[in-house]
Amino acid sequence: MSTQARSPSGLRRWFRRGPWENVATVLIALGVFMLMQSFSLFLFGQSLTVILIGTIGFVIVSHFPE
């Protein structure tokens, strides 16, 4: 077994599925919060953009290696 298979390095270490799925999920939740809050029209207006970025990010990250 090679050392690269045992200890991920370089790009493989940065592009693992777990942490990036968490980031995408937090973005989606933040967008939903922005959509439901009632104190800022700016946040409400940007909520769809944040939800879409989180959703597209989640779809892309789901193809990353474990």
C-alpha atoms as a PDB file:
ATOM      1  CA  MET A   1       0.000   0.000   0.000  1.00  0.00           C
ATOM      2  CA  SER A   2       1.448   3.354  -0.975  1.00  0.00           C
ATOM      3  CA  THR A   3       1.899   6.214   1.476  1.00  0.00           C
ATOM      4  CA  GLN A   4      -0.504   8.380  -0.531  1.00  0.00           C
ATOM      5  CA  ALA A   5      -3.329   5.906   0.079  1.00  0.00           C
ATOM      6  CA  ARG A   6      -2.658   5.886   3.835  1.00  0.00           C
ATOM      7  CA  SER A   7      -2.263   9.602   4.430  1.00  0.00           C
ATOM      8  CA  PRO A   8      -4.106  11.950   2.095  1.00  0.00           C
ATOM      9  CA  SER A   9      -2.079  14.930   1.005  1.00  0.00           C
ATOM     10  CA  GLY A  10      -2.346  17.864  -1.329  1.00  0.00           C
ATOM     11  CA  LEU A  11      -5.658  18.404  -3.052  1.00  0.00           C
ATOM     12  CA  ARG A  12      -7.187  15.171  -1.787  1.00  0.00           C
ATOM     13  CA  ARG A  13      -6.869  16.414   1.772  1.00  0.00           C
ATOM     14  CA  TRP A  14      -8.686  19.662   0.945  1.00  0.00           C
ATOM     15  CA  PHE A  15     -11.425  18.145  -1.199  1.00  0.00           C
ATOM     16  CA  ARG A  16     -12.955  15.577   1.109  1.00  0.00           C
ATOM     17  CA  ARG A  17     -16.716  15.237   1.182  1.00  0.00           C
ATOM     18  CA  GLY A  18     -17.463  15.554   4.917  1.00  0.00           C
ATOM     19  CA  PRO A  19     -16.336  19.093   5.773  1.00  0.00           C
ATOM     20  CA  TRP A  20     -17.583  20.596   2.513  1.00  0.00           C
ATOM     21  CA  GLU A  21     -21.012  18.964   2.894  1.00  0.00           C
ATOM     22  CA  ASN A  22     -21.239  20.631   6.296  1.00  0.00           C
ATOM     23  CA  VAL A  23     -20.366  24.022   4.778  1.00  0.00           C
ATOM     24  CA  ALA A  24     -23.002  23.604   2.058  1.00  0.00           C
ATOM     25  CA  THR A  25     -25.621  22.554   4.620  1.00  0.00           C
ATOM     26  CA  VAL A  26     -24.856  25.582   6.790  1.00  0.00           C
ATOM     27  CA  LEU A  27     -25.215  27.837   3.733  1.00  0.00           C
ATOM     28  CA  ILE A  28     -28.618  26.350   2.944  1.00  0.00           C
ATOM     29  CA  ALA A  29     -29.748  26.778   6.563  1.00  0.00           C
ATOM     30  CA  LEU A  30     -28.443  30.365   6.600  1.00  0.00           C
ATOM     31  CA  GLY A  31     -30.382  31.109   3.423  1.00  0.00           C
ATOM     32  CA  VAL A  32     -33.586  29.715   4.930  1.00  0.00           C
ATOM     33  CA  PHE A  33     -33.045  31.830   8.050  1.00  0.00           C
ATOM     34  CA  MET A  34     -32.494  34.894   5.879  1.00  0.00           C
ATOM     35  CA  LEU A  35     -35.738  34.105   4.053  1.00  0.00           C
ATOM     36  CA  MET A  36     -37.794  33.838   7.253  1.00  0.00           C
ATOM     37  CA  GLN A  37     -36.410  36.784   9.252  1.00  0.00           C
ATOM     38  CA  SER A  38     -38.310  40.063   9.386  1.00  0.00           C
ATOM     39  CA  PHE A  39     -35.739  42.724  10.299  1.00  0.00           C
ATOM     40  CA  SER A  40     -33.758  43.279   7.096  1.00  0.00           C
ATOM     41  CA  LEU A  41     -35.032  43.578   3.560  1.00  0.00           C
ATOM     42  CA  PHE A  42     -31.470  43.203   2.227  1.00  0.00           C
ATOM     43  CA  LEU A  43     -31.048  39.791   3.899  1.00  0.00           C
ATOM     44  CA  PHE A  44     -34.445  38.722   2.573  1.00  0.00           C
ATOM     45  CA  GLY A  45     -33.467  39.774  -0.935  1.00  0.00           C
ATOM     46  CA  GLN A  46     -30.194  37.826  -0.855  1.00  0.00           C
ATOM     47  CA  SER A  47     -31.674  34.668   0.668  1.00  0.00           C
ATOM     48  CA  LEU A  48     -32.436  32.943  -2.631  1.00  0.00           C
ATOM     49  CA  THR A  49     -28.874  33.511  -3.816  1.00  0.00           C
ATOM     50  CA  VAL A  50     -27.454  31.971  -0.630  1.00  0.00           C
ATOM     51  CA  ILE A  51     -29.818  28.984  -0.841  1.00  0.00           C
ATOM     52  CA  LEU A  52     -28.890  28.398  -4.493  1.00  0.00           C
ATOM     53  CA  ILE A  53     -25.153  28.628  -3.785  1.00  0.00           C
ATOM     54  CA  GLY A  54     -25.526  26.143  -0.936  1.00  0.00           C
ATOM     55  CA  THR A  55     -27.600  23.748  -3.036  1.00  0.00           C
ATOM     56  CA  ILE A  56     -25.258  23.862  -6.032  1.00  0.00           C
ATOM     57  CA  GLY A  57     -22.309  23.471  -3.679  1.00  0.00           C
ATOM     58  CA  PHE A  58     -23.917  20.425  -2.087  1.00  0.00           C
ATOM     59  CA  VAL A  59     -24.503  18.826  -5.494  1.00  0.00           C
ATOM     60  CA  ILE A  60     -20.875  19.418  -6.500  1.00  0.00           C
ATOM     61  CA  VAL A  61     -19.479  18.241  -3.155  1.00  0.00           C
ATOM     62  CA  SER A  62     -21.503  15.033  -3.295  1.00  0.00           C
ATOM     63  CA  HIS A  63     -19.108  13.924  -6.057  1.00  0.00           C
ATOM     64  CA  PHE A  64     -15.988  14.436  -3.912  1.00  0.00           C
ATOM     65  CA  PRO A  65     -14.191  11.379  -2.497  1.00  0.00           C
ATOM     66  CA  GLU A  66     -14.857  10.281   1.067  1.00  0.00           C
END
